[in-house]
Amino acid sequence: MNAATTLGIVTMVIWILVSVELSKTSKKDNDQKENSNRKLIVLMFAGIVLTIAVVISLFQKL
């Protein structure tokens, strides 16, 4: 398993966590939504950064 494969798997897991967090957001009260929004922002930032890293890694292999 090379670095690009590992990075791709981690990226997919993070985006799955983002979608799970989005589905849970509508069922929470305001205090829990604020904490959920923070978690969502962190997960989305990590997902974006890792997605960019995967794209760069794949372009380098061309």
PDB file of N, CA and C in Angstrom:
ATOM      1  N   MET A   1       0.851  -1.170   0.000  1.00  0.00           N
ATOM      2  CA  MET A   1       0.000   0.000   0.000  1.00  0.00           C
ATOM      3  C   MET A   1       0.901   1.238   0.000  1.00  0.00           C
ATOM      4  N   ASN A   2       0.759   2.072  -1.004  1.00  0.00           N
ATOM      5  CA  ASN A   2       1.615   3.251  -1.077  1.00  0.00           C
ATOM      6  C   ASN A   2       0.955   4.453  -0.401  1.00  0.00           C
ATOM      7  N   ALA A   3       1.652   5.568  -0.402  1.00  0.00           N
ATOM      8  CA  ALA A   3       1.186   6.761   0.307  1.00  0.00           C
ATOM      9  C   ALA A   3      -0.094   7.324  -0.297  1.00  0.00           C
ATOM     10  N   ALA A   4      -0.207   7.288  -1.614  1.00  0.00           N
ATOM     11  CA  ALA A   4      -1.404   7.831  -2.264  1.00  0.00           C
ATOM     12  C   ALA A   4      -2.643   7.021  -1.895  1.00  0.00           C
ATOM     13  N   THR A   5      -2.496   5.711  -1.811  1.00  0.00           N
ATOM     14  CA  THR A   5      -3.621   4.855  -1.441  1.00  0.00           C
ATOM     15  C   THR A   5      -4.057   5.129  -0.010  1.00  0.00           C
ATOM     16  N   THR A   6      -3.099   5.207   0.894  1.00  0.00           N
ATOM     17  CA  THR A   6      -3.398   5.500   2.293  1.00  0.00           C
ATOM     18  C   THR A   6      -4.055   6.860   2.428  1.00  0.00           C
ATOM     19  N   LEU A   7      -3.518   7.840   1.742  1.00  0.00           N
ATOM     20  CA  LEU A   7      -4.071   9.193   1.776  1.00  0.00           C
ATOM     21  C   LEU A   7      -5.498   9.205   1.233  1.00  0.00           C
ATOM     22  N   GLY A   8      -5.738   8.458   0.177  1.00  0.00           N
ATOM     23  CA  GLY A   8      -7.082   8.368  -0.390  1.00  0.00           C
ATOM     24  C   GLY A   8      -8.078   7.743   0.568  1.00  0.00           C
ATOM     25  N   ILE A   9      -7.663   6.696   1.256  1.00  0.00           N
ATOM     26  CA  ILE A   9      -8.546   6.030   2.218  1.00  0.00           C
ATOM     27  C   ILE A   9      -8.866   6.953   3.384  1.00  0.00           C
ATOM     28  N   VAL A  10      -7.862   7.635   3.910  1.00  0.00           N
ATOM     29  CA  VAL A  10      -8.074   8.573   5.017  1.00  0.00           C
ATOM     30  C   VAL A  10      -9.007   9.699   4.585  1.00  0.00           C
ATOM     31  N   THR A  11      -8.826  10.189   3.367  1.00  0.00           N
ATOM     32  CA  THR A  11      -9.678  11.258   2.852  1.00  0.00           C
ATOM     33  C   THR A  11     -11.128  10.796   2.751  1.00  0.00           C
ATOM     34  N   MET A  12     -11.343   9.577   2.255  1.00  0.00           N
ATOM     35  CA  MET A  12     -12.710   9.057   2.156  1.00  0.00           C
ATOM     36  C   MET A  12     -13.347   8.921   3.534  1.00  0.00           C
ATOM     37  N   VAL A  13     -12.583   8.458   4.508  1.00  0.00           N
ATOM     38  CA  VAL A  13     -13.111   8.310   5.870  1.00  0.00           C
ATOM     39  C   VAL A  13     -13.516   9.667   6.431  1.00  0.00           C
ATOM     40  N   ILE A  14     -12.697  10.683   6.205  1.00  0.00           N
ATOM     41  CA  ILE A  14     -13.019  12.021   6.712  1.00  0.00           C
ATOM     42  C   ILE A  14     -14.294  12.548   6.065  1.00  0.00           C
ATOM     43  N   TRP A  15     -14.453  12.378   4.753  1.00  0.00           N
ATOM     44  CA  TRP A  15     -15.669  12.860   4.089  1.00  0.00           C
ATOM     45  C   TRP A  15     -16.892  12.064   4.533  1.00  0.00           C
ATOM     46  N   ILE A  16     -16.730  10.787   4.856  1.00  0.00           N
ATOM     47  CA  ILE A  16     -17.841  10.007   5.404  1.00  0.00           C
ATOM     48  C   ILE A  16     -18.230  10.555   6.773  1.00  0.00           C
ATOM     49  N   LEU A  17     -17.232  10.897   7.596  1.00  0.00           N
ATOM     50  CA  LEU A  17     -17.518  11.495   8.902  1.00  0.00           C
ATOM     51  C   LEU A  17     -18.236  12.829   8.754  1.00  0.00           C
ATOM     52  N   VAL A  18     -17.871  13.616   7.743  1.00  0.00           N
ATOM     53  CA  VAL A  18     -18.558  14.888   7.490  1.00  0.00           C
ATOM     54  C   VAL A  18     -20.027  14.627   7.170  1.00  0.00           C
ATOM     55  N   SER A  19     -20.301  13.662   6.318  1.00  0.00           N
ATOM     56  CA  SER A  19     -21.694  13.387   5.952  1.00  0.00           C
ATOM     57  C   SER A  19     -22.493  12.856   7.140  1.00  0.00           C
ATOM     58  N   VAL A  20     -21.865  12.041   7.982  1.00  0.00           N
ATOM     59  CA  VAL A  20     -22.544  11.544   9.182  1.00  0.00           C
ATOM     60  C   VAL A  20     -22.849  12.701  10.124  1.00  0.00           C
ATOM     61  N   GLU A  21     -21.896  13.594  10.295  1.00  0.00           N
ATOM     62  CA  GLU A  21     -22.093  14.751  11.175  1.00  0.00           C
ATOM     63  C   GLU A  21     -23.192  15.660  10.631  1.00  0.00           C
ATOM     64  N   LEU A  22     -23.256  15.828   9.327  1.00  0.00           N
ATOM     65  CA  LEU A  22     -24.318  16.643   8.732  1.00  0.00           C
ATOM     66  C   LEU A  22     -25.689  16.019   8.953  1.00  0.00           C
ATOM     67  N   SER A  23     -25.778  14.717   8.907  1.00  0.00           N
ATOM     68  CA  SER A  23     -27.069  14.063   9.113  1.00  0.00           C
ATOM     69  C   SER A  23     -27.505  14.130  10.572  1.00  0.00           C
ATOM     70  N   LYS A  24     -26.557  14.209  11.502  1.00  0.00           N
ATOM     71  CA  LYS A  24     -26.891  14.301  12.920  1.00  0.00           C
ATOM     72  C   LYS A  24     -27.222  15.724  13.346  1.00  0.00           C
ATOM     73  N   THR A  25     -26.812  16.736  12.586  1.00  0.00           N
ATOM     74  CA  THR A  25     -26.949  18.130  12.993  1.00  0.00           C
ATOM     75  C   THR A  25     -28.402  18.538  13.188  1.00  0.00           C
ATOM     76  N   SER A  26     -29.307  18.066  12.370  1.00  0.00           N
ATOM     77  CA  SER A  26     -30.699  18.508  12.435  1.00  0.00           C
ATOM     78  C   SER A  26     -31.428  17.988  13.674  1.00  0.00           C
ATOM     79  N   LYS A  27     -30.881  17.009  14.360  1.00  0.00           N
ATOM     80  CA  LYS A  27     -31.558  16.394  15.497  1.00  0.00           C
ATOM     81  C   LYS A  27     -31.086  16.932  16.851  1.00  0.00           C
ATOM     82  N   LYS A  28     -30.249  17.965  16.862  1.00  0.00           N
ATOM     83  CA  LYS A  28     -29.652  18.429  18.113  1.00  0.00           C
ATOM     84  C   LYS A  28     -30.201  19.787  18.513  1.00  0.00           C
ATOM     85  N   ASP A  29     -30.075  20.116  19.825  1.00  0.00           N
ATOM     86  CA  ASP A  29     -30.476  21.448  20.266  1.00  0.00           C
ATOM     87  C   ASP A  29     -29.354  22.450  19.982  1.00  0.00           C
ATOM     88  N   ASN A  30     -29.572  23.713  20.348  1.00  0.00           N
ATOM     89  CA  ASN A  30     -28.649  24.782  19.942  1.00  0.00           C
ATOM     90  C   ASN A  30     -27.235  24.611  20.483  1.00  0.00           C
ATOM     91  N   ASP A  31     -27.081  24.212  21.760  1.00  0.00           N
ATOM     92  CA  ASP A  31     -25.740  24.067  22.334  1.00  0.00           C
ATOM     93  C   ASP A  31     -24.975  22.935  21.652  1.00  0.00           C
ATOM     94  N   GLN A  32     -25.655  21.847  21.415  1.00  0.00           N
ATOM     95  CA  GLN A  32     -25.014  20.722  20.733  1.00  0.00           C
ATOM     96  C   GLN A  32     -24.724  21.054  19.278  1.00  0.00           C
ATOM     97  N   LYS A  33     -25.583  21.882  18.658  1.00  0.00           N
ATOM     98  CA  LYS A  33     -25.346  22.272  17.264  1.00  0.00           C
ATOM     99  C   LYS A  33     -24.087  23.115  17.136  1.00  0.00           C
ATOM    100  N   GLU A  34     -23.826  23.971  18.147  1.00  0.00           N
ATOM    101  CA  GLU A  34     -22.619  24.803  18.097  1.00  0.00           C
ATOM    102  C   GLU A  34     -21.367  23.931  18.138  1.00  0.00           C
ATOM    103  N   ASN A  35     -21.347  22.950  19.028  1.00  0.00           N
ATOM    104  CA  ASN A  35     -20.205  22.028  19.087  1.00  0.00           C
ATOM    105  C   ASN A  35     -20.113  21.196  17.814  1.00  0.00           C
ATOM    106  N   SER A  36     -21.255  20.805  17.292  1.00  0.00           N
ATOM    107  CA  SER A  36     -21.278  20.026  16.059  1.00  0.00           C
ATOM    108  C   SER A  36     -20.759  20.854  14.887  1.00  0.00           C
ATOM    109  N   ASN A  37     -21.114  22.141  14.857  1.00  0.00           N
ATOM    110  CA  ASN A  37     -20.632  23.013  13.781  1.00  0.00           C
ATOM    111  C   ASN A  37     -19.119  23.159  13.828  1.00  0.00           C
ATOM    112  N   ARG A  38     -18.559  23.267  15.026  1.00  0.00           N
ATOM    113  CA  ARG A  38     -17.095  23.349  15.161  1.00  0.00           C
ATOM    114  C   ARG A  38     -16.435  22.075  14.645  1.00  0.00           C
ATOM    115  N   LYS A  39     -16.986  20.943  15.050  1.00  0.00           N
ATOM    116  CA  LYS A  39     -16.449  19.653  14.604  1.00  0.00           C
ATOM    117  C   LYS A  39     -16.561  19.531  13.088  1.00  0.00           C
ATOM    118  N   LEU A  40     -17.681  19.995  12.550  1.00  0.00           N
ATOM    119  CA  LEU A  40     -17.904  19.937  11.110  1.00  0.00           C
ATOM    120  C   LEU A  40     -16.904  20.801  10.357  1.00  0.00           C
ATOM    121  N   ILE A  41     -16.615  21.983  10.874  1.00  0.00           N
ATOM    122  CA  ILE A  41     -15.642  22.875  10.235  1.00  0.00           C
ATOM    123  C   ILE A  41     -14.259  22.232  10.226  1.00  0.00           C
ATOM    124  N   VAL A  42     -13.865  21.636  11.342  1.00  0.00           N
ATOM    125  CA  VAL A  42     -12.552  20.984  11.424  1.00  0.00           C
ATOM    126  C   VAL A  42     -12.478  19.804  10.455  1.00  0.00           C
ATOM    127  N   LEU A  43     -13.531  18.988  10.422  1.00  0.00           N
ATOM    128  CA  LEU A  43     -13.538  17.836   9.517  1.00  0.00           C
ATOM    129  C   LEU A  43     -13.511  18.272   8.057  1.00  0.00           C
ATOM    130  N   MET A  44     -14.260  19.320   7.723  1.00  0.00           N
ATOM    131  CA  MET A  44     -14.275  19.791   6.336  1.00  0.00           C
ATOM    132  C   MET A  44     -12.925  20.371   5.940  1.00  0.00           C
ATOM    133  N   PHE A  45     -12.286  21.103   6.848  1.00  0.00           N
ATOM    134  CA  PHE A  45     -10.962  21.645   6.556  1.00  0.00           C
ATOM    135  C   PHE A  45      -9.967  20.507   6.304  1.00  0.00           C
ATOM    136  N   ALA A  46     -10.001  19.493   7.177  1.00  0.00           N
ATOM    137  CA  ALA A  46      -9.106  18.343   7.001  1.00  0.00           C
ATOM    138  C   ALA A  46      -9.412  17.615   5.696  1.00  0.00           C
ATOM    139  N   GLY A  47     -10.685  17.475   5.374  1.00  0.00           N
ATOM    140  CA  GLY A  47     -11.065  16.817   4.132  1.00  0.00           C
ATOM    141  C   GLY A  47     -10.585  17.568   2.905  1.00  0.00           C
ATOM    142  N   ILE A  48     -10.707  18.890   2.928  1.00  0.00           N
ATOM    143  CA  ILE A  48     -10.254  19.706   1.799  1.00  0.00           C
ATOM    144  C   ILE A  48      -8.745  19.604   1.633  1.00  0.00           C
ATOM    145  N   VAL A  49      -8.017  19.727   2.734  1.00  0.00           N
ATOM    146  CA  VAL A  49      -6.551  19.663   2.670  1.00  0.00           C
ATOM    147  C   VAL A  49      -6.098  18.301   2.147  1.00  0.00           C
ATOM    148  N   LEU A  50      -6.691  17.236   2.658  1.00  0.00           N
ATOM    149  CA  LEU A  50      -6.294  15.899   2.213  1.00  0.00           C
ATOM    150  C   LEU A  50      -6.718  15.625   0.771  1.00  0.00           C
ATOM    151  N   THR A  51      -7.848  16.171   0.353  1.00  0.00           N
ATOM    152  CA  THR A  51      -8.267  16.013  -1.042  1.00  0.00           C
ATOM    153  C   THR A  51      -7.275  16.690  -1.973  1.00  0.00           C
ATOM    154  N   ILE A  52      -6.833  17.876  -1.606  1.00  0.00           N
ATOM    155  CA  ILE A  52      -5.824  18.579  -2.404  1.00  0.00           C
ATOM    156  C   ILE A  52      -4.534  17.763  -2.450  1.00  0.00           C
ATOM    157  N   ALA A  53      -4.147  17.183  -1.309  1.00  0.00           N
ATOM    158  CA  ALA A  53      -2.933  16.362  -1.269  1.00  0.00           C
ATOM    159  C   ALA A  53      -3.065  15.134  -2.169  1.00  0.00           C
ATOM    160  N   VAL A  54      -4.238  14.509  -2.197  1.00  0.00           N
ATOM    161  CA  VAL A  54      -4.454  13.346  -3.065  1.00  0.00           C
ATOM    162  C   VAL A  54      -4.363  13.752  -4.527  1.00  0.00           C
ATOM    163  N   VAL A  55      -4.974  14.877  -4.882  1.00  0.00           N
ATOM    164  CA  VAL A  55      -4.936  15.344  -6.273  1.00  0.00           C
ATOM    165  C   VAL A  55      -3.502  15.634  -6.702  1.00  0.00           C
ATOM    166  N   ILE A  56      -2.742  16.303  -5.853  1.00  0.00           N
ATOM    167  CA  ILE A  56      -1.338  16.603  -6.175  1.00  0.00           C
ATOM    168  C   ILE A  56      -0.546  15.309  -6.332  1.00  0.00           C
ATOM    169  N   SER A  57      -0.771  14.367  -5.421  1.00  0.00           N
ATOM    170  CA  SER A  57      -0.065  13.089  -5.487  1.00  0.00           C
ATOM    171  C   SER A  57      -0.390  12.340  -6.779  1.00  0.00           C
ATOM    172  N   LEU A  58      -1.644  12.368  -7.172  1.00  0.00           N
ATOM    173  CA  LEU A  58      -2.032  11.670  -8.400  1.00  0.00           C
ATOM    174  C   LEU A  58      -1.472  12.358  -9.642  1.00  0.00           C
ATOM    175  N   PHE A  59      -1.425  13.685  -9.647  1.00  0.00           N
ATOM    176  CA  PHE A  59      -0.840  14.393 -10.786  1.00  0.00           C
ATOM    177  C   PHE A  59       0.660  14.134 -10.895  1.00  0.00           C
ATOM    178  N   GLN A  60       1.336  13.943  -9.773  1.00  0.00           N
ATOM    179  CA  GLN A  60       2.763  13.662  -9.808  1.00  0.00           C
ATOM    180  C   GLN A  60       3.045  12.289 -10.414  1.00  0.00           C
ATOM    181  N   LYS A  61       2.081  11.384 -10.312  1.00  0.00           N
ATOM    182  CA  LYS A  61       2.280  10.039 -10.855  1.00  0.00           C
ATOM    183  C   LYS A  61       2.021   9.968 -12.353  1.00  0.00           C
ATOM    184  N   LEU A  62       1.476  11.026 -12.941  1.00  0.00           N
ATOM    185  CA  LEU A  62       1.204  11.010 -14.390  1.00  0.00           C
ATOM    186  C   LEU A  62       2.462  11.069 -15.207  1.00  0.00           C
TER     187      LEU A  62
END
